[in-house]
Amino acid sequence: MRVDWRVSSNGSRIAVASLDQLREQVRIIDFRNGTERNLQLPHGWLIWGLSWTSDGNALFATGLLKEYFIARIELDGKTRVLLNRGRNQWLGSLCASPDGRHLAFSQRAFASNAWLLENF
């Protein structure tokens, strides 16, 4: 089972994404009032990485629809793709800076060569 979770900077909430159990959703668990709720994501989104914004009012997510992307997910469920890298640029390991001005992430390129050997 593939699960990613992140605690908000003030420790009051946890965001959980799971490719198996929470397809097209992110669960928010709020320790202040003991509630949990699911944010519905656009159809087909597969999310595997999360990071809270520095102010705790939204999330950043890495995922895949038809192409690899980084998105911002508001706590009311609104989403916006911030970066799209196509099918050959996997994105992950999100980390928002404490001042809210930068977002670090890893990017992995896929390249392949095919060779056909004949009469060897």
PDB file of N, CA and C in Angstrom:
ATOM      1  N   MET A   1       0.850  -1.179   0.000  1.00  0.00           N
ATOM      2  CA  MET A   1       0.000   0.000   0.000  1.00  0.00           C
ATOM      3  C   MET A   1       0.894   1.239   0.000  1.00  0.00           C
ATOM      4  N   ARG A   2       0.651   2.174  -0.878  1.00  0.00           N
ATOM      5  CA  ARG A   2       1.426   3.407  -1.019  1.00  0.00           C
ATOM      6  C   ARG A   2       0.667   4.546  -0.354  1.00  0.00           C
ATOM      7  N   VAL A   3       1.234   5.076   0.756  1.00  0.00           N
ATOM      8  CA  VAL A   3       0.614   6.168   1.513  1.00  0.00           C
ATOM      9  C   VAL A   3       1.653   7.261   1.729  1.00  0.00           C
ATOM     10  N   ASP A   4       1.230   8.504   1.581  1.00  0.00           N
ATOM     11  CA  ASP A   4       2.078   9.634   1.932  1.00  0.00           C
ATOM     12  C   ASP A   4       1.271  10.525   2.873  1.00  0.00           C
ATOM     13  N   TRP A   5       1.911  11.033   3.911  1.00  0.00           N
ATOM     14  CA  TRP A   5       1.215  11.904   4.856  1.00  0.00           C
ATOM     15  C   TRP A   5       2.158  12.983   5.335  1.00  0.00           C
ATOM     16  N   ARG A   6       1.582  14.130   5.689  1.00  0.00           N
ATOM     17  CA  ARG A   6       2.370  15.271   6.167  1.00  0.00           C
ATOM     18  C   ARG A   6       1.615  15.973   7.285  1.00  0.00           C
ATOM     19  N   VAL A   7       2.362  16.357   8.307  1.00  0.00           N
ATOM     20  CA  VAL A   7       1.819  17.129   9.418  1.00  0.00           C
ATOM     21  C   VAL A   7       1.969  18.607   9.080  1.00  0.00           C
ATOM     22  N   SER A   8       0.936  19.405   9.358  1.00  0.00           N
ATOM     23  CA  SER A   8       1.019  20.846   9.113  1.00  0.00           C
ATOM     24  C   SER A   8       2.072  21.466  10.025  1.00  0.00           C
ATOM     25  N   SER A   9       2.568  22.639   9.665  1.00  0.00           N
ATOM     26  CA  SER A   9       3.672  23.264  10.408  1.00  0.00           C
ATOM     27  C   SER A   9       3.320  23.552  11.862  1.00  0.00           C
ATOM     28  N   ASN A  10       2.050  23.810  12.172  1.00  0.00           N
ATOM     29  CA  ASN A  10       1.669  24.060  13.560  1.00  0.00           C
ATOM     30  C   ASN A  10       1.235  22.786  14.295  1.00  0.00           C
ATOM     31  N   GLY A  11       1.280  21.640  13.601  1.00  0.00           N
ATOM     32  CA  GLY A  11       0.970  20.361  14.223  1.00  0.00           C
ATOM     33  C   GLY A  11      -0.499  20.091  14.456  1.00  0.00           C
ATOM     34  N   SER A  12      -1.381  20.902  13.918  1.00  0.00           N
ATOM     35  CA  SER A  12      -2.805  20.740  14.198  1.00  0.00           C
ATOM     36  C   SER A  12      -3.531  19.832  13.213  1.00  0.00           C
ATOM     37  N   ARG A  13      -2.918  19.550  12.049  1.00  0.00           N
ATOM     38  CA  ARG A  13      -3.583  18.747  11.021  1.00  0.00           C
ATOM     39  C   ARG A  13      -2.592  17.809  10.344  1.00  0.00           C
ATOM     40  N   ILE A  14      -3.145  16.735   9.806  1.00  0.00           N
ATOM     41  CA  ILE A  14      -2.385  15.810   8.978  1.00  0.00           C
ATOM     42  C   ILE A  14      -3.129  15.675   7.655  1.00  0.00           C
ATOM     43  N   ALA A  15      -2.381  15.670   6.558  1.00  0.00           N
ATOM     44  CA  ALA A  15      -2.935  15.388   5.234  1.00  0.00           C
ATOM     45  C   ALA A  15      -2.434  14.010   4.808  1.00  0.00           C
ATOM     46  N   VAL A  16      -3.319  13.194   4.245  1.00  0.00           N
ATOM     47  CA  VAL A  16      -2.982  11.832   3.850  1.00  0.00           C
ATOM     48  C   VAL A  16      -3.418  11.603   2.408  1.00  0.00           C
ATOM     49  N   ALA A  17      -2.518  11.044   1.608  1.00  0.00           N
ATOM     50  CA  ALA A  17      -2.839  10.622   0.242  1.00  0.00           C
ATOM     51  C   ALA A  17      -2.455   9.157   0.105  1.00  0.00           C
ATOM     52  N   SER A  18      -3.250   8.405  -0.632  1.00  0.00           N
ATOM     53  CA  SER A  18      -2.963   6.991  -0.845  1.00  0.00           C
ATOM     54  C   SER A  18      -3.405   6.594  -2.243  1.00  0.00           C
ATOM     55  N   LEU A  19      -2.500   6.009  -2.991  1.00  0.00           N
ATOM     56  CA  LEU A  19      -2.852   5.536  -4.327  1.00  0.00           C
ATOM     57  C   LEU A  19      -3.837   4.379  -4.265  1.00  0.00           C
ATOM     58  N   ASP A  20      -3.851   3.646  -3.157  1.00  0.00           N
ATOM     59  CA  ASP A  20      -4.719   2.484  -3.019  1.00  0.00           C
ATOM     60  C   ASP A  20      -6.057   2.812  -2.346  1.00  0.00           C
ATOM     61  N   GLN A  21      -6.006   3.522  -1.240  1.00  0.00           N
ATOM     62  CA  GLN A  21      -7.191   3.709  -0.411  1.00  0.00           C
ATOM     63  C   GLN A  21      -7.936   5.022  -0.639  1.00  0.00           C
ATOM     64  N   LEU A  22      -7.257   6.042  -1.121  1.00  0.00           N
ATOM     65  CA  LEU A  22      -7.873   7.369  -1.265  1.00  0.00           C
ATOM     66  C   LEU A  22      -7.706   7.891  -2.688  1.00  0.00           C
ATOM     67  N   ARG A  23      -8.063   7.089  -3.651  1.00  0.00           N
ATOM     68  CA  ARG A  23      -7.920   7.523  -5.036  1.00  0.00           C
ATOM     69  C   ARG A  23      -8.749   8.785  -5.273  1.00  0.00           C
ATOM     70  N   GLU A  24      -8.116   9.766  -5.910  1.00  0.00           N
ATOM     71  CA  GLU A  24      -8.755  11.046  -6.251  1.00  0.00           C
ATOM     72  C   GLU A  24      -9.214  11.827  -5.022  1.00  0.00           C
ATOM     73  N   GLN A  25      -8.549  11.582  -3.873  1.00  0.00           N
ATOM     74  CA  GLN A  25      -8.898  12.288  -2.639  1.00  0.00           C
ATOM     75  C   GLN A  25      -7.649  12.534  -1.800  1.00  0.00           C
ATOM     76  N   VAL A  26      -7.744  13.529  -0.940  1.00  0.00           N
ATOM     77  CA  VAL A  26      -6.764  13.753   0.121  1.00  0.00           C
ATOM     78  C   VAL A  26      -7.555  13.875   1.413  1.00  0.00           C
ATOM     79  N   ARG A  27      -7.176  13.114   2.427  1.00  0.00           N
ATOM     80  CA  ARG A  27      -7.868  13.172   3.719  1.00  0.00           C
ATOM     81  C   ARG A  27      -7.154  14.168   4.617  1.00  0.00           C
ATOM     82  N   ILE A  28      -7.934  15.032   5.252  1.00  0.00           N
ATOM     83  CA  ILE A  28      -7.423  15.993   6.221  1.00  0.00           C
ATOM     84  C   ILE A  28      -7.956  15.593   7.596  1.00  0.00           C
ATOM     85  N   ILE A  29      -7.049  15.341   8.524  1.00  0.00           N
ATOM     86  CA  ILE A  29      -7.409  15.015   9.904  1.00  0.00           C
ATOM     87  C   ILE A  29      -7.044  16.222  10.748  1.00  0.00           C
ATOM     88  N   ASP A  30      -8.035  16.761  11.447  1.00  0.00           N
ATOM     89  CA  ASP A  30      -7.853  17.977  12.245  1.00  0.00           C
ATOM     90  C   ASP A  30      -7.882  17.606  13.727  1.00  0.00           C
ATOM     91  N   PHE A  31      -6.752  17.803  14.412  1.00  0.00           N
ATOM     92  CA  PHE A  31      -6.652  17.453  15.827  1.00  0.00           C
ATOM     93  C   PHE A  31      -7.313  18.473  16.735  1.00  0.00           C
ATOM     94  N   ARG A  32      -7.518  19.687  16.243  1.00  0.00           N
ATOM     95  CA  ARG A  32      -8.139  20.729  17.078  1.00  0.00           C
ATOM     96  C   ARG A  32      -9.570  20.389  17.429  1.00  0.00           C
ATOM     97  N   ASN A  33     -10.315  19.860  16.440  1.00  0.00           N
ATOM     98  CA  ASN A  33     -11.718  19.550  16.708  1.00  0.00           C
ATOM     99  C   ASN A  33     -12.051  18.071  16.527  1.00  0.00           C
ATOM    100  N   GLY A  34     -11.035  17.230  16.285  1.00  0.00           N
ATOM    101  CA  GLY A  34     -11.239  15.785  16.190  1.00  0.00           C
ATOM    102  C   GLY A  34     -12.000  15.332  14.955  1.00  0.00           C
ATOM    103  N   THR A  35     -11.931  16.100  13.862  1.00  0.00           N
ATOM    104  CA  THR A  35     -12.673  15.742  12.658  1.00  0.00           C
ATOM    105  C   THR A  35     -11.727  15.280  11.556  1.00  0.00           C
ATOM    106  N   GLU A  36     -12.312  14.637  10.583  1.00  0.00           N
ATOM    107  CA  GLU A  36     -11.587  14.310   9.358  1.00  0.00           C
ATOM    108  C   GLU A  36     -12.537  14.474   8.190  1.00  0.00           C
ATOM    109  N   ARG A  37     -11.951  14.848   7.058  1.00  0.00           N
ATOM    110  CA  ARG A  37     -12.750  15.031   5.849  1.00  0.00           C
ATOM    111  C   ARG A  37     -11.872  14.741   4.643  1.00  0.00           C
ATOM    112  N   ASN A  38     -12.509  14.428   3.535  1.00  0.00           N
ATOM    113  CA  ASN A  38     -11.799  14.141   2.305  1.00  0.00           C
ATOM    114  C   ASN A  38     -11.991  15.284   1.324  1.00  0.00           C
ATOM    115  N   LEU A  39     -10.889  15.724   0.733  1.00  0.00           N
ATOM    116  CA  LEU A  39     -10.946  16.696  -0.345  1.00  0.00           C
ATOM    117  C   LEU A  39     -11.035  15.924  -1.655  1.00  0.00           C
ATOM    118  N   GLN A  40     -12.066  16.175  -2.422  1.00  0.00           N
ATOM    119  CA  GLN A  40     -12.227  15.504  -3.705  1.00  0.00           C
ATOM    120  C   GLN A  40     -11.327  16.164  -4.738  1.00  0.00           C
ATOM    121  N   LEU A  41     -10.549  15.365  -5.438  1.00  0.00           N
ATOM    122  CA  LEU A  41      -9.630  15.857  -6.456  1.00  0.00           C
ATOM    123  C   LEU A  41     -10.231  15.621  -7.846  1.00  0.00           C
ATOM    124  N   PRO A  42      -9.684  16.266  -8.859  1.00  0.00           N
ATOM    125  CA  PRO A  42     -10.176  16.030 -10.215  1.00  0.00           C
ATOM    126  C   PRO A  42     -10.086  14.552 -10.613  1.00  0.00           C
ATOM    127  N   HIS A  43     -11.014  14.146 -11.451  1.00  0.00           N
ATOM    128  CA  HIS A  43     -11.091  12.751 -11.890  1.00  0.00           C
ATOM    129  C   HIS A  43      -9.777  12.297 -12.522  1.00  0.00           C
ATOM    130  N   GLY A  44      -9.281  11.163 -12.068  1.00  0.00           N
ATOM    131  CA  GLY A  44      -8.089  10.554 -12.629  1.00  0.00           C
ATOM    132  C   GLY A  44      -6.780  10.933 -11.957  1.00  0.00           C
ATOM    133  N   TRP A  45      -6.793  11.920 -11.065  1.00  0.00           N
ATOM    134  CA  TRP A  45      -5.541  12.332 -10.404  1.00  0.00           C
ATOM    135  C   TRP A  45      -5.033  11.218  -9.504  1.00  0.00           C
ATOM    136  N   LEU A  46      -3.748  10.902  -9.646  1.00  0.00           N
ATOM    137  CA  LEU A  46      -3.043   9.992  -8.749  1.00  0.00           C
ATOM    138  C   LEU A  46      -2.016  10.818  -7.994  1.00  0.00           C
ATOM    139  N   ILE A  47      -2.175  10.926  -6.686  1.00  0.00           N
ATOM    140  CA  ILE A  47      -1.301  11.744  -5.841  1.00  0.00           C
ATOM    141  C   ILE A  47      -0.404  10.840  -5.020  1.00  0.00           C
ATOM    142  N   TRP A  48       0.903  11.124  -5.008  1.00  0.00           N
ATOM    143  CA  TRP A  48       1.829  10.338  -4.181  1.00  0.00           C
ATOM    144  C   TRP A  48       2.716  11.179  -3.289  1.00  0.00           C
ATOM    145  N   GLY A  49       2.676  12.489  -3.410  1.00  0.00           N
ATOM    146  CA  GLY A  49       3.505  13.328  -2.553  1.00  0.00           C
ATOM    147  C   GLY A  49       2.760  14.562  -2.102  1.00  0.00           C
ATOM    148  N   LEU A  50       2.909  14.922  -0.843  1.00  0.00           N
ATOM    149  CA  LEU A  50       2.235  16.086  -0.270  1.00  0.00           C
ATOM    150  C   LEU A  50       3.207  16.959   0.500  1.00  0.00           C
ATOM    151  N   SER A  51       2.881  18.242   0.581  1.00  0.00           N
ATOM    152  CA  SER A  51       3.588  19.195   1.436  1.00  0.00           C
ATOM    153  C   SER A  51       2.606  20.310   1.767  1.00  0.00           C
ATOM    154  N   TRP A  52       2.579  20.737   3.014  1.00  0.00           N
ATOM    155  CA  TRP A  52       1.736  21.854   3.415  1.00  0.00           C
ATOM    156  C   TRP A  52       2.371  23.172   2.975  1.00  0.00           C
ATOM    157  N   THR A  53       1.550  24.157   2.687  1.00  0.00           N
ATOM    158  CA  THR A  53       2.069  25.509   2.498  1.00  0.00           C
ATOM    159  C   THR A  53       2.553  26.003   3.849  1.00  0.00           C
ATOM    160  N   SER A  54       3.395  27.019   3.852  1.00  0.00           N
ATOM    161  CA  SER A  54       3.972  27.483   5.121  1.00  0.00           C
ATOM    162  C   SER A  54       2.914  28.008   6.082  1.00  0.00           C
ATOM    163  N   ASP A  55       1.827  28.568   5.554  1.00  0.00           N
ATOM    164  CA  ASP A  55       0.772  29.089   6.429  1.00  0.00           C
ATOM    165  C   ASP A  55      -0.267  28.033   6.796  1.00  0.00           C
ATOM    166  N   GLY A  56      -0.171  26.831   6.229  1.00  0.00           N
ATOM    167  CA  GLY A  56      -1.097  25.745   6.551  1.00  0.00           C
ATOM    168  C   GLY A  56      -2.468  25.886   5.931  1.00  0.00           C
ATOM    169  N   ASN A  57      -2.626  26.774   4.969  1.00  0.00           N
ATOM    170  CA  ASN A  57      -3.933  27.004   4.355  1.00  0.00           C
ATOM    171  C   ASN A  57      -4.156  26.227   3.064  1.00  0.00           C
ATOM    172  N   ALA A  58      -3.157  25.489   2.610  1.00  0.00           N
ATOM    173  CA  ALA A  58      -3.274  24.713   1.373  1.00  0.00           C
ATOM    174  C   ALA A  58      -2.183  23.647   1.360  1.00  0.00           C
ATOM    175  N   LEU A  59      -2.233  22.799   0.348  1.00  0.00           N
ATOM    176  CA  LEU A  59      -1.252  21.738   0.161  1.00  0.00           C
ATOM    177  C   LEU A  59      -0.640  21.845  -1.223  1.00  0.00           C
ATOM    178  N   PHE A  60       0.592  21.364  -1.352  1.00  0.00           N
ATOM    179  CA  PHE A  60       1.187  21.121  -2.649  1.00  0.00           C
ATOM    180  C   PHE A  60       1.185  19.611  -2.830  1.00  0.00           C
ATOM    181  N   ALA A  61       1.002  19.152  -4.059  1.00  0.00           N
ATOM    182  CA  ALA A  61       0.965  17.724  -4.324  1.00  0.00           C
ATOM    183  C   ALA A  61       1.691  17.401  -5.618  1.00  0.00           C
ATOM    184  N   THR A  62       2.364  16.258  -5.632  1.00  0.00           N
ATOM    185  CA  THR A  62       2.910  15.729  -6.873  1.00  0.00           C
ATOM    186  C   THR A  62       2.016  14.586  -7.306  1.00  0.00           C
ATOM    187  N   GLY A  63       1.801  14.504  -8.599  1.00  0.00           N
ATOM    188  CA  GLY A  63       0.917  13.457  -9.070  1.00  0.00           C
ATOM    189  C   GLY A  63       0.985  13.251 -10.564  1.00  0.00           C
ATOM    190  N   LEU A  64       0.029  12.464 -11.032  1.00  0.00           N
ATOM    191  CA  LEU A  64      -0.041  12.092 -12.429  1.00  0.00           C
ATOM    192  C   LEU A  64      -1.496  12.073 -12.857  1.00  0.00           C
ATOM    193  N   LEU A  65      -1.766  12.665 -13.984  1.00  0.00           N
ATOM    194  CA  LEU A  65      -3.040  12.468 -14.668  1.00  0.00           C
ATOM    195  C   LEU A  65      -2.676  11.782 -15.976  1.00  0.00           C
ATOM    196  N   LYS A  66      -2.388  12.522 -16.981  1.00  0.00           N
ATOM    197  CA  LYS A  66      -1.784  11.969 -18.192  1.00  0.00           C
ATOM    198  C   LYS A  66      -0.310  12.333 -18.233  1.00  0.00           C
ATOM    199  N   GLU A  67       0.049  13.339 -17.453  1.00  0.00           N
ATOM    200  CA  GLU A  67       1.426  13.806 -17.359  1.00  0.00           C
ATOM    201  C   GLU A  67       1.737  14.087 -15.897  1.00  0.00           C
ATOM    202  N   TYR A  68       3.020  14.143 -15.555  1.00  0.00           N
ATOM    203  CA  TYR A  68       3.443  14.401 -14.184  1.00  0.00           C
ATOM    204  C   TYR A  68       3.299  15.890 -13.872  1.00  0.00           C
ATOM    205  N   PHE A  69       2.810  16.190 -12.673  1.00  0.00           N
ATOM    206  CA  PHE A  69       2.541  17.582 -12.325  1.00  0.00           C
ATOM    207  C   PHE A  69       2.781  17.868 -10.851  1.00  0.00           C
ATOM    208  N   ILE A  70       2.873  19.169 -10.542  1.00  0.00           N
ATOM    209  CA  ILE A  70       2.798  19.672  -9.175  1.00  0.00           C
ATOM    210  C   ILE A  70       1.571  20.569  -9.127  1.00  0.00           C
ATOM    211  N   ALA A  71       0.745  20.392  -8.115  1.00  0.00           N
ATOM    212  CA  ALA A  71      -0.489  21.168  -7.992  1.00  0.00           C
ATOM    213  C   ALA A  71      -0.608  21.770  -6.602  1.00  0.00           C
ATOM    214  N   ARG A  72      -1.390  22.812  -6.525  1.00  0.00           N
ATOM    215  CA  ARG A  72      -1.774  23.413  -5.244  1.00  0.00           C
ATOM    216  C   ARG A  72      -3.218  23.006  -4.985  1.00  0.00           C
ATOM    217  N   ILE A  73      -3.481  22.501  -3.781  1.00  0.00           N
ATOM    218  CA  ILE A  73      -4.818  22.065  -3.389  1.00  0.00           C
ATOM    219  C   ILE A  73      -5.263  22.923  -2.215  1.00  0.00           C
ATOM    220  N   GLU A  74      -6.275  23.724  -2.437  1.00  0.00           N
ATOM    221  CA  GLU A  74      -6.840  24.546  -1.359  1.00  0.00           C
ATOM    222  C   GLU A  74      -7.656  23.657  -0.433  1.00  0.00           C
ATOM    223  N   LEU A  75      -7.860  24.082   0.792  1.00  0.00           N
ATOM    224  CA  LEU A  75      -8.600  23.268   1.757  1.00  0.00           C
ATOM    225  C   LEU A  75     -10.098  23.224   1.468  1.00  0.00           C
ATOM    226  N   ASP A  76     -10.562  24.034   0.512  1.00  0.00           N
ATOM    227  CA  ASP A  76     -11.950  23.929   0.069  1.00  0.00           C
ATOM    228  C   ASP A  76     -12.073  22.992  -1.141  1.00  0.00           C
ATOM    229  N   GLY A  77     -10.942  22.371  -1.551  1.00  0.00           N
ATOM    230  CA  GLY A  77     -10.951  21.410  -2.647  1.00  0.00           C
ATOM    231  C   GLY A  77     -10.580  21.979  -4.004  1.00  0.00           C
ATOM    232  N   LYS A  78     -10.442  23.287  -4.133  1.00  0.00           N
ATOM    233  CA  LYS A  78     -10.048  23.872  -5.411  1.00  0.00           C
ATOM    234  C   LYS A  78      -8.607  23.489  -5.710  1.00  0.00           C
ATOM    235  N   THR A  79      -8.324  23.194  -6.972  1.00  0.00           N
ATOM    236  CA  THR A  79      -6.985  22.764  -7.370  1.00  0.00           C
ATOM    237  C   THR A  79      -6.469  23.622  -8.513  1.00  0.00           C
ATOM    238  N   ARG A  80      -5.150  23.702  -8.587  1.00  0.00           N
ATOM    239  CA  ARG A  80      -4.504  24.434  -9.679  1.00  0.00           C
ATOM    240  C   ARG A  80      -3.162  23.771  -9.959  1.00  0.00           C
ATOM    241  N   VAL A  81      -2.946  23.370 -11.204  1.00  0.00           N
ATOM    242  CA  VAL A  81      -1.662  22.786 -11.592  1.00  0.00           C
ATOM    243  C   VAL A  81      -0.653  23.919 -11.731  1.00  0.00           C
ATOM    244  N   LEU A  82       0.464  23.810 -11.015  1.00  0.00           N
ATOM    245  CA  LEU A  82       1.509  24.827 -11.032  1.00  0.00           C
ATOM    246  C   LEU A  82       2.616  24.508 -12.025  1.00  0.00           C
ATOM    247  N   LEU A  83       2.881  23.217 -12.219  1.00  0.00           N
ATOM    248  CA  LEU A  83       3.971  22.800 -13.086  1.00  0.00           C
ATOM    249  C   LEU A  83       3.597  21.473 -13.729  1.00  0.00           C
ATOM    250  N   ASN A  84       3.770  21.376 -15.030  1.00  0.00           N
ATOM    251  CA  ASN A  84       3.469  20.165 -15.765  1.00  0.00           C
ATOM    252  C   ASN A  84       4.729  19.776 -16.533  1.00  0.00           C
ATOM    253  N   ARG A  85       5.211  18.561 -16.338  1.00  0.00           N
ATOM    254  CA  ARG A  85       6.463  18.143 -16.951  1.00  0.00           C
ATOM    255  C   ARG A  85       6.297  17.035 -17.984  1.00  0.00           C
ATOM    256  N   GLY A  86       5.106  16.752 -18.422  1.00  0.00           N
ATOM    257  CA  GLY A  86       4.921  15.727 -19.444  1.00  0.00           C
ATOM    258  C   GLY A  86       5.104  14.327 -18.902  1.00  0.00           C
ATOM    259  N   ARG A  87       5.240  13.376 -19.798  1.00  0.00           N
ATOM    260  CA  ARG A  87       5.359  11.965 -19.406  1.00  0.00           C
ATOM    261  C   ARG A  87       6.783  11.548 -19.083  1.00  0.00           C
ATOM    262  N   ASN A  88       7.770  12.354 -19.399  1.00  0.00           N
ATOM    263  CA  ASN A  88       9.156  11.939 -19.205  1.00  0.00           C
ATOM    264  C   ASN A  88       9.855  12.662 -18.073  1.00  0.00           C
ATOM    265  N   GLN A  89       9.127  13.347 -17.226  1.00  0.00           N
ATOM    266  CA  GLN A  89       9.735  14.112 -16.135  1.00  0.00           C
ATOM    267  C   GLN A  89       8.980  13.840 -14.835  1.00  0.00           C
ATOM    268  N   TRP A  90       9.332  12.780 -14.130  1.00  0.00           N
ATOM    269  CA  TRP A  90       8.695  12.434 -12.857  1.00  0.00           C
ATOM    270  C   TRP A  90       9.044  13.487 -11.813  1.00  0.00           C
ATOM    271  N   LEU A  91       8.066  13.877 -10.990  1.00  0.00           N
ATOM    272  CA  LEU A  91       8.255  14.901  -9.957  1.00  0.00           C
ATOM    273  C   LEU A  91       7.937  14.310  -8.592  1.00  0.00           C
ATOM    274  N   GLY A  92       8.699  14.713  -7.574  1.00  0.00           N
ATOM    275  CA  GLY A  92       8.442  14.208  -6.229  1.00  0.00           C
ATOM    276  C   GLY A  92       9.191  14.983  -5.174  1.00  0.00           C
ATOM    277  N   SER A  93       9.154  14.499  -3.941  1.00  0.00           N
ATOM    278  CA  SER A  93       9.900  15.036  -2.797  1.00  0.00           C
ATOM    279  C   SER A  93       9.677  16.527  -2.583  1.00  0.00           C
ATOM    280  N   LEU A  94       8.434  16.914  -2.441  1.00  0.00           N
ATOM    281  CA  LEU A  94       8.092  18.323  -2.237  1.00  0.00           C
ATOM    282  C   LEU A  94       8.520  18.830  -0.870  1.00  0.00           C
ATOM    283  N   CYS A  95       8.980  20.076  -0.824  1.00  0.00           N
ATOM    284  CA  CYS A  95       9.323  20.717   0.436  1.00  0.00           C
ATOM    285  C   CYS A  95       9.155  22.228   0.288  1.00  0.00           C
ATOM    286  N   ALA A  96       8.153  22.777   0.956  1.00  0.00           N
ATOM    287  CA  ALA A  96       7.911  24.218   0.895  1.00  0.00           C
ATOM    288  C   ALA A  96       8.818  24.929   1.890  1.00  0.00           C
ATOM    289  N   SER A  97       9.333  26.096   1.500  1.00  0.00           N
ATOM    290  CA  SER A  97      10.195  26.863   2.401  1.00  0.00           C
ATOM    291  C   SER A  97       9.363  27.482   3.515  1.00  0.00           C
ATOM    292  N   PRO A  98       9.957  27.716   4.687  1.00  0.00           N
ATOM    293  CA  PRO A  98       9.221  28.288   5.813  1.00  0.00           C
ATOM    294  C   PRO A  98       8.636  29.680   5.531  1.00  0.00           C
ATOM    295  N   ASP A  99       9.280  30.453   4.660  1.00  0.00           N
ATOM    296  CA  ASP A  99       8.752  31.785   4.363  1.00  0.00           C
ATOM    297  C   ASP A  99       7.677  31.766   3.277  1.00  0.00           C
ATOM    298  N   GLY A 100       7.400  30.602   2.687  1.00  0.00           N
ATOM    299  CA  GLY A 100       6.345  30.477   1.697  1.00  0.00           C
ATOM    300  C   GLY A 100       6.699  30.992   0.314  1.00  0.00           C
ATOM    301  N   ARG A 101       7.950  31.294   0.078  1.00  0.00           N
ATOM    302  CA  ARG A 101       8.330  31.881  -1.201  1.00  0.00           C
ATOM    303  C   ARG A 101       8.930  30.889  -2.194  1.00  0.00           C
ATOM    304  N   HIS A 102       9.283  29.680  -1.710  1.00  0.00           N
ATOM    305  CA  HIS A 102       9.952  28.717  -2.584  1.00  0.00           C
ATOM    306  C   HIS A 102       9.388  27.317  -2.352  1.00  0.00           C
ATOM    307  N   LEU A 103       9.497  26.495  -3.383  1.00  0.00           N
ATOM    308  CA  LEU A 103       9.082  25.098  -3.297  1.00  0.00           C
ATOM    309  C   LEU A 103      10.179  24.252  -3.921  1.00  0.00           C
ATOM    310  N   ALA A 104      10.791  23.407  -3.121  1.00  0.00           N
ATOM    311  CA  ALA A 104      11.819  22.508  -3.625  1.00  0.00           C
ATOM    312  C   ALA A 104      11.163  21.185  -4.008  1.00  0.00           C
ATOM    313  N   PHE A 105      11.686  20.552  -5.046  1.00  0.00           N
ATOM    314  CA  PHE A 105      11.165  19.258  -5.476  1.00  0.00           C
ATOM    315  C   PHE A 105      12.244  18.539  -6.279  1.00  0.00           C
ATOM    316  N   SER A 106      12.075  17.241  -6.402  1.00  0.00           N
ATOM    317  CA  SER A 106      12.997  16.481  -7.241  1.00  0.00           C
ATOM    318  C   SER A 106      12.327  16.226  -8.590  1.00  0.00           C
ATOM    319  N   GLN A 107      13.175  16.062  -9.578  1.00  0.00           N
ATOM    320  CA  GLN A 107      12.684  15.802 -10.928  1.00  0.00           C
ATOM    321  C   GLN A 107      13.572  14.730 -11.537  1.00  0.00           C
ATOM    322  N   ARG A 108      12.969  13.716 -12.058  1.00  0.00           N
ATOM    323  CA  ARG A 108      13.717  12.619 -12.645  1.00  0.00           C
ATOM    324  C   ARG A 108      13.304  12.477 -14.106  1.00  0.00           C
ATOM    325  N   ALA A 109      14.266  12.484 -14.988  1.00  0.00           N
ATOM    326  CA  ALA A 109      13.985  12.343 -16.413  1.00  0.00           C
ATOM    327  C   ALA A 109      14.087  10.875 -16.818  1.00  0.00           C
ATOM    328  N   PHE A 110      13.208  10.476 -17.693  1.00  0.00           N
ATOM    329  CA  PHE A 110      13.242   9.129 -18.238  1.00  0.00           C
ATOM    330  C   PHE A 110      13.719   9.208 -19.680  1.00  0.00           C
ATOM    331  N   ALA A 111      14.752   8.512 -19.970  1.00  0.00           N
ATOM    332  CA  ALA A 111      15.259   8.442 -21.338  1.00  0.00           C
ATOM    333  C   ALA A 111      15.599   6.993 -21.631  1.00  0.00           C
ATOM    334  N   SER A 112      15.355   6.602 -22.826  1.00  0.00           N
ATOM    335  CA  SER A 112      15.681   5.224 -23.163  1.00  0.00           C
ATOM    336  C   SER A 112      16.144   5.156 -24.608  1.00  0.00           C
ATOM    337  N   ASN A 113      16.958   4.192 -24.836  1.00  0.00           N
ATOM    338  CA  ASN A 113      17.410   3.901 -26.192  1.00  0.00           C
ATOM    339  C   ASN A 113      17.059   2.458 -26.491  1.00  0.00           C
ATOM    340  N   ALA A 114      16.639   2.208 -27.668  1.00  0.00           N
ATOM    341  CA  ALA A 114      16.346   0.841 -28.082  1.00  0.00           C
ATOM    342  C   ALA A 114      17.335   0.448 -29.172  1.00  0.00           C
ATOM    343  N   TRP A 115      17.862  -0.759 -29.041  1.00  0.00           N
ATOM    344  CA  TRP A 115      18.825  -1.253 -30.019  1.00  0.00           C
ATOM    345  C   TRP A 115      18.309  -2.582 -30.537  1.00  0.00           C
ATOM    346  N   LEU A 116      18.474  -2.793 -31.790  1.00  0.00           N
ATOM    347  CA  LEU A 116      18.126  -4.065 -32.394  1.00  0.00           C
ATOM    348  C   LEU A 116      19.414  -4.688 -32.925  1.00  0.00           C
ATOM    349  N   LEU A 117      19.726  -5.847 -32.409  1.00  0.00           N
ATOM    350  CA  LEU A 117      20.915  -6.571 -32.856  1.00  0.00           C
ATOM    351  C   LEU A 117      20.482  -7.705 -33.770  1.00  0.00           C
ATOM    352  N   GLU A 118      21.078  -7.742 -34.921  1.00  0.00           N
ATOM    353  CA  GLU A 118      20.742  -8.803 -35.860  1.00  0.00           C
ATOM    354  C   GLU A 118      22.005  -9.569 -36.237  1.00  0.00           C
ATOM    355  N   ASN A 119      21.835 -10.828 -36.517  1.00  0.00           N
ATOM    356  CA  ASN A 119      22.907 -11.698 -37.020  1.00  0.00           C
ATOM    357  C   ASN A 119      24.146 -11.683 -36.123  1.00  0.00           C
ATOM    358  N   PHE A 120      23.986 -11.798 -34.854  1.00  0.00           N
ATOM    359  CA  PHE A 120      25.178 -11.798 -33.978  1.00  0.00           C
ATOM    360  C   PHE A 120      25.612 -13.190 -33.618  1.00  0.00           C
TER     361      PHE A 120
END
